[in-house]
Amino acid sequence: MSVKEGNVIRIPVEAIEPHPNNPRKNVGDVSELADSIKQSGLLQNLTVVPHPDKSGRYRALIGHRRLAAAKQAGLEFVPCVVMEDMSLAEQVAIMVAENMQRQDLTIPEQVESIQLMIDLGMSVEEVSEKTGLGKSTVYKRRALSAFESAEFKKSAERGGTLQDYMKVAALKDEKAREKVLKAVGTNNFNMELNTALNEEKKQERCELIESKLNEWAKKVESTKDMSVSLLRWVSFGYDIKEDDEKLQKPDKDCEYVYVKGYSDYAVYEVKFKSDETPQKTPEQLAREKKEQERLERKRKFEELENRMKELRRSYVLNFTLAVAEKKILEIGEGLIRLLTDAVYFDEVEEAILKLYGAEEENKEEVIYGKNTALSLFYALYTVGESEADLCRNRFYGTYSPDKEMLTYYEILEKLGYQISDEEQSYLDGTHELYVKEG
């Protein structure tokens, strides 16, 4: 039986249920709060709504932790304010606003609640008004609603940030989003994200190239039944504007075909087609297969090493002067370990200026002024990258441990760089691309 005291009603604890749409799914440990309630009583009212289907029962709207603690403390009645005639969407909005003020909601909980309000008929503007969240905040959270729920929650537990999720959501391919989402909150996130972004760029590049080539050439799987002459190569890896001439039809009026290879398109001029192509020997076929496998491994190594290089560059560009000053001894030690006669100091200065985005005439001020600690870090990076470029394993795919490369990564790790699993397997020779001996 409820007891009314002004606008506050004392309701039996057992008559109040947690709201099924409460954004905060886990109220956590309430033992300390329960002890306080036992000693001093419940000092703040709960806000409840009448149960839609059960007369005399209620659902908690604000105060889920207090309700759980009151039950644990053994209270029979709790003071409540009852909110009448509220739609379900309005109820969710109040719970979201209350939890967001306390920063109690995880990102997946925020996304789930906002999407629920949208599904219940609220516009983005109404959600913004009811919850107090900015419209841009609502739009950003809503953009994450397509994520697979269980994996989304796991990634949040690993420390995923809103920035991480927005980067994942920007990926166009659903399978790529799913794969990168699984890496959020791990050392592999940046590697997986860069891989997906590079794949998107390559796909866009290929579509552009083929759309141009299809205007005057025919795509074929193979030219083995044709007599052809190689006309040109068109690479996936460059801006289509830079290669525009290669995509134009030649002046000669004849038949042209093209084949998509491992990293570029081969465009051919057709001499004639033959139905009597000489048969290749098993030895020739075996050599061709081995060479194709080598070229494919070479291409994959190149992609992997470029991803690794981009990760290191991204890390360096986000390295601040404040961090550099704290790590000055480690940077100095690392630079001394890496310095070799193969890198001339003027080359190092030129690379540092590029990282700063500065001109030659400002060299003294930029490199040797107040930024000295950061300049030393940039010098370390420049020398390290020169070593990394010398020890690529792509040609035959056999593993050969490189002392300088391992030292470079050891130094970066001491400075806070997080080595991904794929980078580690590249460094220690366990990556699947390496040719297994024996």
Protein backbone atom coordinates (compact mmCIF):
# COMPACT_ATOMS: atom_id res chain seq x y z
CA MET A 1 0.00 0.00 0.00
CA SER A 2 1.35 3.46 -1.01
CA VAL A 3 1.43 6.33 1.51
CA LYS A 4 1.18 9.91 0.13
CA GLU A 5 3.09 12.78 1.80
CA GLY A 6 2.53 15.96 -0.27
CA ASN A 7 3.94 15.38 -3.77
CA VAL A 8 5.98 12.45 -2.51
CA ILE A 9 4.52 8.96 -2.18
CA ARG A 10 6.03 6.25 -0.02
CA ILE A 11 5.82 3.10 -2.15
CA PRO A 12 6.66 -0.46 -1.10
CA VAL A 13 10.09 -1.40 -2.42
CA GLU A 14 8.75 -4.67 -3.80
CA ALA A 15 6.23 -2.77 -5.95
CA ILE A 16 8.98 -1.00 -7.93
CA GLU A 17 10.80 -2.66 -10.83
CA PRO A 18 13.93 -1.50 -12.65
CA HIS A 19 12.92 0.09 -15.94
CA PRO A 20 13.48 -2.45 -18.77
CA ASN A 21 14.75 0.35 -21.04
CA ASN A 22 17.15 1.85 -18.55
CA PRO A 23 20.28 2.71 -20.60
CA ARG A 24 22.55 1.76 -17.73
CA LYS A 25 22.46 -2.03 -17.80
CA ASN A 26 24.68 -2.62 -14.76
CA VAL A 27 24.19 -0.61 -11.56
CA GLY A 28 27.45 -1.96 -10.14
CA ASP A 29 28.27 -2.65 -6.49
CA VAL A 30 25.80 -0.86 -4.19
CA SER A 31 27.06 -2.29 -0.88
CA GLU A 32 28.51 1.01 0.35
CA LEU A 33 25.33 2.88 -0.60
CA ALA A 34 23.23 0.22 1.14
CA ASP A 35 25.25 0.66 4.34
CA SER A 36 24.71 4.42 4.19
CA ILE A 37 20.94 3.91 3.72
CA LYS A 38 20.83 1.58 6.72
CA GLN A 39 22.46 4.26 8.86
CA SER A 40 20.81 7.44 7.56
CA GLY A 41 17.85 6.31 5.48
CA LEU A 42 17.15 7.16 1.83
CA LEU A 43 17.71 10.92 1.62
CA GLN A 44 16.76 11.44 -2.03
CA ASN A 45 13.48 10.52 -3.69
CA LEU A 46 13.17 8.07 -6.54
CA THR A 47 11.29 9.08 -9.70
CA VAL A 48 8.94 6.39 -10.98
CA VAL A 49 6.21 5.86 -13.58
CA PRO A 50 3.14 3.63 -13.24
CA HIS A 51 3.61 0.15 -14.71
CA PRO A 52 1.78 0.04 -18.08
CA ASP A 53 0.28 -3.42 -17.47
CA LYS A 54 0.21 -4.04 -13.73
CA SER A 55 -2.01 -1.94 -11.45
CA GLY A 56 -0.36 -0.80 -8.24
CA ARG A 57 3.14 -1.43 -9.54
CA TYR A 58 5.78 1.02 -10.79
CA ARG A 59 8.94 1.28 -12.87
CA ALA A 60 11.97 3.23 -11.69
CA LEU A 61 12.81 6.16 -13.91
CA ILE A 62 15.53 7.92 -11.90
CA GLY A 63 17.34 6.22 -9.02
CA HIS A 64 18.08 2.64 -10.12
CA ARG A 65 21.16 2.41 -7.90
CA ARG A 66 19.21 3.80 -4.92
CA LEU A 67 16.45 1.27 -5.56
CA ALA A 68 18.92 -1.64 -5.64
CA ALA A 69 20.66 -0.37 -2.49
CA ALA A 70 17.33 0.14 -0.68
CA LYS A 71 16.39 -3.46 -1.41
CA GLN A 72 19.80 -4.64 -0.19
CA ALA A 73 19.41 -2.50 2.96
CA GLY A 74 16.06 -4.13 3.69
CA LEU A 75 13.83 -1.03 3.43
CA GLU A 76 10.12 -1.71 3.10
CA PHE A 77 9.12 1.71 1.67
CA VAL A 78 10.98 4.32 -0.37
CA PRO A 79 9.98 7.95 -1.11
CA CYS A 80 8.99 8.46 -4.75
CA VAL A 81 7.74 11.10 -7.13
CA VAL A 82 5.33 9.57 -9.66
CA MET A 83 5.40 10.91 -13.23
CA GLU A 84 2.09 10.41 -15.05
CA ASP A 85 1.21 10.36 -18.75
CA MET A 86 4.73 9.99 -20.14
CA SER A 87 5.39 8.22 -23.42
CA LEU A 88 8.04 5.49 -23.50
CA ALA A 89 10.28 7.71 -25.64
CA GLU A 90 10.04 10.50 -23.06
CA GLN A 91 10.86 8.05 -20.28
CA VAL A 92 13.99 6.89 -22.12
CA ALA A 93 14.98 10.52 -22.76
CA ILE A 94 14.83 11.35 -19.03
CA MET A 95 16.90 8.30 -18.12
CA VAL A 96 19.49 9.13 -20.79
CA ALA A 97 19.75 12.75 -19.65
CA GLU A 98 20.11 11.77 -16.00
CA ASN A 99 22.81 9.18 -16.68
CA MET A 100 24.68 11.36 -19.17
CA GLN A 101 24.93 14.13 -16.58
CA ARG A 102 26.67 11.67 -14.28
CA GLN A 103 28.73 10.22 -17.15
CA ASP A 104 27.49 6.78 -16.16
CA LEU A 105 26.70 5.45 -19.65
CA THR A 106 29.05 3.58 -21.93
CA ILE A 107 29.04 4.55 -25.60
CA PRO A 108 27.08 1.41 -26.61
CA GLU A 109 24.46 2.23 -23.94
CA GLN A 110 24.17 5.78 -25.26
CA VAL A 111 23.79 4.55 -28.84
CA GLU A 112 21.19 1.93 -27.92
CA SER A 113 19.08 4.43 -25.99
CA ILE A 114 19.21 7.13 -28.66
CA GLN A 115 18.25 4.63 -31.34
CA LEU A 116 15.36 3.42 -29.18
CA MET A 117 14.02 6.97 -28.92
CA ILE A 118 14.30 7.34 -32.71
CA ASP A 119 12.53 4.02 -33.20
CA LEU A 120 9.76 5.19 -30.88
CA GLY A 121 9.07 8.13 -33.15
CA MET A 122 11.24 10.97 -31.88
CA SER A 123 13.13 13.12 -34.36
CA VAL A 124 16.80 13.95 -33.84
CA GLU A 125 15.74 17.46 -32.80
CA GLU A 126 13.33 16.06 -30.20
CA VAL A 127 15.93 13.67 -28.83
CA SER A 128 18.35 16.58 -28.54
CA GLU A 129 15.76 18.74 -26.76
CA LYS A 130 14.59 16.03 -24.34
CA THR A 131 18.05 14.73 -23.38
CA GLY A 132 19.99 17.98 -23.48
CA LEU A 133 22.47 16.46 -25.93
CA GLY A 134 23.61 18.52 -28.91
CA LYS A 135 22.24 17.48 -32.30
CA SER A 136 25.74 16.64 -33.54
CA THR A 137 26.16 14.34 -30.52
CA VAL A 138 22.88 12.58 -31.35
CA TYR A 139 23.85 12.19 -35.02
CA LYS A 140 27.27 10.80 -34.11
CA ARG A 141 25.84 8.23 -31.68
CA ARG A 142 23.12 7.25 -34.12
CA ALA A 143 25.73 6.58 -36.81
CA LEU A 144 27.08 3.78 -34.60
CA SER A 145 23.75 1.95 -34.26
CA ALA A 146 24.59 -0.45 -37.12
CA PHE A 147 27.44 -2.03 -35.14
CA GLU A 148 26.96 -5.61 -34.02
CA SER A 149 25.78 -5.24 -30.42
CA ALA A 150 27.87 -7.89 -28.64
CA GLU A 151 31.15 -6.91 -30.34
CA PHE A 152 30.38 -3.22 -29.75
CA LYS A 153 30.03 -3.84 -26.01
CA LYS A 154 33.21 -5.93 -25.88
CA SER A 155 35.18 -3.17 -27.59
CA ALA A 156 33.84 -0.60 -25.10
CA GLU A 157 35.06 -2.78 -22.24
CA ARG A 158 38.51 -2.72 -23.88
CA GLY A 159 38.48 1.09 -23.75
CA GLY A 160 37.12 2.05 -27.18
CA THR A 161 36.59 5.79 -27.61
CA LEU A 162 34.03 7.74 -29.61
CA GLN A 163 36.81 8.82 -31.99
CA ASP A 164 37.68 5.16 -32.60
CA TYR A 165 34.06 4.31 -33.38
CA MET A 166 33.57 7.27 -35.72
CA LYS A 167 36.59 6.12 -37.72
CA VAL A 168 35.13 2.60 -37.94
CA ALA A 169 31.69 3.91 -38.93
CA ALA A 170 33.25 5.91 -41.79
CA LEU A 171 34.38 2.69 -43.50
CA LYS A 172 32.16 1.88 -46.46
CA ASP A 173 32.42 -1.92 -46.45
CA GLU A 174 30.36 -3.74 -43.80
CA LYS A 175 32.80 -6.67 -43.47
CA ALA A 176 35.68 -4.23 -43.05
CA ARG A 177 33.76 -2.39 -40.31
CA GLU A 178 33.12 -5.68 -38.49
CA LYS A 179 36.78 -6.67 -38.68
CA VAL A 180 38.12 -3.31 -37.51
CA LEU A 181 35.51 -3.11 -34.71
CA LYS A 182 36.99 -6.32 -33.27
CA ALA A 183 40.36 -4.53 -33.03
CA VAL A 184 39.07 -1.43 -31.19
CA GLY A 185 40.80 -1.11 -27.83
CA THR A 186 43.76 -3.31 -28.86
CA ASN A 187 47.26 -2.63 -30.21
CA ASN A 188 46.02 -3.81 -33.62
CA PHE A 189 43.39 -1.11 -34.11
CA ASN A 190 45.48 1.38 -36.10
CA MET A 191 46.94 -1.39 -38.27
CA GLU A 192 43.50 -2.86 -39.06
CA LEU A 193 42.02 0.59 -39.70
CA ASN A 194 44.83 1.61 -42.05
CA THR A 195 44.56 -1.71 -43.89
CA ALA A 196 40.83 -1.17 -44.43
CA LEU A 197 41.30 2.45 -45.52
CA ASN A 198 44.05 1.50 -47.97
CA GLU A 199 41.88 -1.27 -49.39
CA GLU A 200 39.05 1.22 -49.93
CA LYS A 201 41.38 3.62 -51.71
CA LYS A 202 42.74 0.81 -53.88
CA GLN A 203 39.22 -0.34 -54.76
CA GLU A 204 38.20 3.19 -55.71
CA ARG A 205 41.36 3.55 -57.76
CA CYS A 206 40.69 0.26 -59.60
CA GLU A 207 37.11 1.24 -60.37
CA LEU A 208 38.29 4.56 -61.83
CA ILE A 209 41.00 2.90 -63.91
CA GLU A 210 38.66 0.25 -65.30
CA SER A 211 35.96 2.78 -66.12
CA LYS A 212 38.52 4.64 -68.26
CA LEU A 213 40.09 1.56 -69.85
CA ASN A 214 36.69 0.04 -70.67
CA GLU A 215 36.06 2.91 -73.06
CA TRP A 216 38.60 1.49 -75.52
CA ALA A 217 39.90 -1.85 -74.20
CA LYS A 218 38.39 -5.14 -73.04
CA LYS A 219 39.17 -6.71 -69.68
CA VAL A 220 40.30 -10.34 -69.95
CA GLU A 221 41.49 -12.90 -67.41
CA SER A 222 44.46 -13.99 -69.52
CA THR A 223 46.14 -13.39 -72.89
CA LYS A 224 47.38 -16.96 -73.26
CA ASP A 225 45.24 -17.56 -76.39
CA MET A 226 46.30 -14.31 -78.03
CA SER A 227 49.35 -12.89 -79.71
CA VAL A 228 49.84 -9.58 -77.91
CA SER A 229 52.33 -6.80 -77.47
CA LEU A 230 52.60 -5.02 -74.13
CA LEU A 231 51.51 -1.41 -74.49
CA ARG A 232 51.80 -0.03 -70.94
CA TRP A 233 51.42 -0.63 -67.21
CA VAL A 234 48.92 1.26 -65.07
CA SER A 235 49.53 1.04 -61.33
CA PHE A 236 46.87 0.94 -58.59
CA GLY A 237 49.04 3.00 -56.30
CA TYR A 238 49.06 6.42 -57.91
CA ASP A 239 46.62 9.24 -58.37
CA ILE A 240 44.56 8.69 -61.50
CA LYS A 241 45.24 12.30 -62.55
CA GLU A 242 48.97 11.59 -62.60
CA ASP A 243 48.39 8.56 -64.83
CA ASP A 244 45.77 10.19 -67.02
CA GLU A 245 47.81 9.85 -70.23
CA LYS A 246 48.15 6.11 -69.71
CA LEU A 247 44.37 5.80 -69.58
CA GLN A 248 43.80 7.50 -72.93
CA LYS A 249 43.20 5.46 -76.08
CA PRO A 250 46.26 5.21 -78.35
CA ASP A 251 46.13 6.69 -81.85
CA LYS A 252 46.54 3.29 -83.49
CA ASP A 253 43.18 1.78 -84.46
CA CYS A 254 43.29 -1.85 -83.31
CA GLU A 255 41.98 -4.16 -80.60
CA TYR A 256 43.23 -3.66 -77.05
CA VAL A 257 42.83 -5.79 -73.92
CA TYR A 258 43.95 -5.43 -70.33
CA VAL A 259 44.63 -7.83 -67.45
CA LYS A 260 44.46 -6.97 -63.75
CA GLY A 261 47.65 -8.06 -62.02
CA TYR A 262 48.96 -8.03 -58.46
CA SER A 263 49.60 -4.31 -58.21
CA ASP A 264 48.83 -2.91 -61.67
CA TYR A 265 47.02 -3.40 -64.96
CA ALA A 266 48.86 -4.66 -68.06
CA VAL A 267 47.43 -3.17 -71.26
CA TYR A 268 48.12 -5.04 -74.51
CA GLU A 269 47.75 -4.47 -78.21
CA VAL A 270 46.25 -7.59 -79.81
CA LYS A 271 48.15 -8.86 -82.87
CA PHE A 272 45.94 -11.88 -83.53
CA LYS A 273 44.12 -14.62 -81.67
CA SER A 274 45.13 -18.24 -81.99
CA ASP A 275 43.32 -21.46 -81.22
CA GLU A 276 46.57 -23.41 -81.53
CA THR A 277 48.58 -22.08 -78.64
CA PRO A 278 51.70 -24.18 -78.01
CA GLN A 279 51.41 -26.25 -74.86
CA LYS A 280 53.81 -25.36 -72.07
CA THR A 281 55.90 -28.03 -70.39
CA PRO A 282 55.27 -28.96 -66.74
CA GLU A 283 58.59 -27.33 -65.89
CA GLN A 284 57.53 -24.06 -67.55
CA LEU A 285 54.19 -24.12 -65.76
CA ALA A 286 55.90 -24.81 -62.41
CA ARG A 287 58.32 -21.90 -62.94
CA GLU A 288 55.47 -19.58 -63.89
CA LYS A 289 53.49 -20.62 -60.81
CA LYS A 290 56.49 -20.09 -58.54
CA GLU A 291 57.11 -16.64 -60.02
CA GLN A 292 53.44 -15.71 -59.64
CA GLU A 293 53.55 -16.76 -55.99
CA ARG A 294 56.71 -14.68 -55.48
CA LEU A 295 55.13 -11.62 -57.08
CA GLU A 296 52.00 -11.99 -54.96
CA ARG A 297 54.10 -12.34 -51.81
CA LYS A 298 56.16 -9.32 -52.86
CA ARG A 299 52.98 -7.26 -53.32
CA LYS A 300 51.61 -8.30 -49.92
CA PHE A 301 54.94 -7.53 -48.22
CA GLU A 302 54.94 -4.12 -49.85
CA GLU A 303 51.43 -3.40 -48.57
CA LEU A 304 52.34 -4.62 -45.06
CA GLU A 305 55.54 -2.56 -44.89
CA ASN A 306 53.73 0.53 -46.13
CA ARG A 307 51.05 0.07 -43.46
CA MET A 308 53.76 -0.25 -40.81
CA LYS A 309 55.45 2.87 -42.10
CA GLU A 310 52.19 4.82 -42.02
CA LEU A 311 51.53 3.72 -38.41
CA ARG A 312 54.97 4.94 -37.34
CA ARG A 313 54.48 8.26 -39.13
CA SER A 314 51.05 8.76 -37.54
CA TYR A 315 52.55 8.08 -34.11
CA VAL A 316 55.35 10.58 -34.71
CA LEU A 317 53.04 13.35 -35.92
CA ASN A 318 50.97 12.99 -32.72
CA PHE A 319 54.06 13.13 -30.47
CA THR A 320 53.97 16.42 -28.52
CA LEU A 321 56.71 18.73 -27.32
CA ALA A 322 55.63 18.11 -23.72
CA VAL A 323 56.11 14.34 -24.09
CA ALA A 324 59.41 14.86 -25.91
CA GLU A 325 60.73 16.99 -23.04
CA LYS A 326 59.79 14.30 -20.52
CA LYS A 327 61.42 11.59 -22.65
CA ILE A 328 64.52 13.61 -23.61
CA LEU A 329 66.99 11.12 -22.12
CA GLU A 330 65.35 8.13 -23.86
CA ILE A 331 65.26 10.04 -27.15
CA GLY A 332 68.92 10.99 -26.89
CA GLU A 333 69.93 7.43 -26.06
CA GLY A 334 67.85 6.08 -28.94
CA LEU A 335 69.28 8.56 -31.43
CA ILE A 336 72.85 7.65 -30.48
CA ARG A 337 72.04 3.95 -30.95
CA LEU A 338 70.62 4.54 -34.43
CA LEU A 339 73.07 7.06 -35.89
CA THR A 340 75.03 5.65 -38.83
CA ASP A 341 77.34 7.06 -41.49
CA ALA A 342 74.67 6.17 -44.08
CA VAL A 343 72.55 9.16 -43.04
CA TYR A 344 74.02 12.60 -43.62
CA PHE A 345 73.03 15.33 -41.20
CA ASP A 346 71.75 17.69 -43.90
CA GLU A 347 69.30 14.98 -44.93
CA VAL A 348 68.14 14.72 -41.31
CA GLU A 349 67.62 18.49 -41.12
CA GLU A 350 65.63 18.47 -44.35
CA ALA A 351 63.37 15.68 -43.07
CA ILE A 352 62.79 17.49 -39.75
CA LEU A 353 61.75 20.66 -41.57
CA LYS A 354 59.20 18.65 -43.57
CA LEU A 355 57.73 17.21 -40.37
CA TYR A 356 57.37 20.73 -38.98
CA GLY A 357 56.03 22.00 -42.31
CA ALA A 358 58.66 24.75 -42.18
CA GLU A 359 60.90 26.44 -44.75
CA GLU A 360 64.70 26.29 -45.01
CA GLU A 361 65.15 29.92 -43.99
CA ASN A 362 63.44 29.20 -40.64
CA LYS A 363 65.70 26.23 -39.86
CA GLU A 364 67.61 27.73 -36.93
CA GLU A 365 64.49 28.96 -35.15
CA VAL A 366 62.36 25.87 -35.79
CA ILE A 367 64.87 23.07 -35.18
CA TYR A 368 67.19 24.56 -32.59
CA GLY A 369 64.89 26.92 -30.69
CA LYS A 370 62.36 26.00 -28.05
CA ASN A 371 61.49 22.80 -29.96
CA THR A 372 64.88 21.14 -29.43
CA ALA A 373 63.46 18.07 -27.66
CA LEU A 374 60.89 17.46 -30.40
CA SER A 375 63.54 18.06 -33.07
CA LEU A 376 65.68 15.35 -31.50
CA PHE A 377 62.70 13.00 -31.63
CA TYR A 378 62.12 13.84 -35.30
CA ALA A 379 65.81 13.20 -35.96
CA LEU A 380 65.50 9.79 -34.28
CA TYR A 381 62.48 9.02 -36.46
CA THR A 382 64.27 10.10 -39.64
CA VAL A 383 67.32 7.93 -38.93
CA GLY A 384 65.12 4.99 -37.91
CA GLU A 385 63.07 5.21 -41.10
CA SER A 386 66.23 5.22 -43.21
CA GLU A 387 67.16 1.91 -41.57
CA ALA A 388 63.64 0.51 -42.04
CA ASP A 389 63.77 1.25 -45.78
CA LEU A 390 66.99 -0.76 -46.10
CA CYS A 391 65.72 -3.98 -44.54
CA ARG A 392 62.57 -4.82 -46.48
CA ASN A 393 61.95 -8.53 -47.00
CA ARG A 394 59.62 -8.39 -49.95
CA PHE A 395 61.70 -9.73 -52.87
CA TYR A 396 61.90 -13.42 -52.00
CA GLY A 397 59.95 -13.38 -48.76
CA THR A 398 62.61 -15.11 -46.65
CA TYR A 399 63.09 -13.94 -43.07
CA SER A 400 66.36 -12.36 -42.11
CA PRO A 401 66.49 -10.70 -38.67
CA ASP A 402 67.72 -7.13 -38.95
CA LYS A 403 69.43 -5.69 -35.89
CA GLU A 404 68.80 -2.04 -36.83
CA MET A 405 65.10 -2.57 -37.49
CA LEU A 406 64.63 -4.45 -34.21
CA THR A 407 66.54 -1.72 -32.36
CA TYR A 408 64.36 0.97 -33.95
CA TYR A 409 61.17 -0.72 -32.77
CA GLU A 410 62.63 -1.34 -29.32
CA ILE A 411 63.33 2.40 -29.00
CA LEU A 412 59.87 3.39 -30.25
CA GLU A 413 58.24 1.01 -27.79
CA LYS A 414 60.17 2.59 -24.90
CA LEU A 415 58.78 5.96 -26.03
CA GLY A 416 55.20 4.69 -25.90
CA TYR A 417 54.63 3.20 -29.37
CA GLN A 418 52.27 0.20 -29.33
CA ILE A 419 53.46 -2.60 -31.62
CA SER A 420 50.59 -4.43 -33.32
CA ASP A 421 50.50 -8.23 -33.56
CA GLU A 422 51.12 -8.06 -37.31
CA GLU A 423 54.15 -5.81 -36.88
CA GLN A 424 55.51 -8.14 -34.21
CA SER A 425 55.13 -11.20 -36.46
CA TYR A 426 56.91 -9.30 -39.25
CA LEU A 427 59.78 -8.47 -36.90
CA ASP A 428 60.21 -11.95 -35.39
CA GLY A 429 59.72 -13.94 -38.62
CA THR A 430 56.44 -15.66 -37.70
CA HIS A 431 54.27 -13.76 -40.23
CA GLU A 432 52.43 -16.04 -42.67
CA LEU A 433 53.97 -14.25 -45.65
CA TYR A 434 57.46 -15.54 -44.92
CA VAL A 435 58.60 -18.54 -46.95
CA LYS A 436 58.90 -21.57 -44.69
CA GLU A 437 62.25 -23.31 -45.02
CA GLY A 438 62.52 -27.03 -45.48
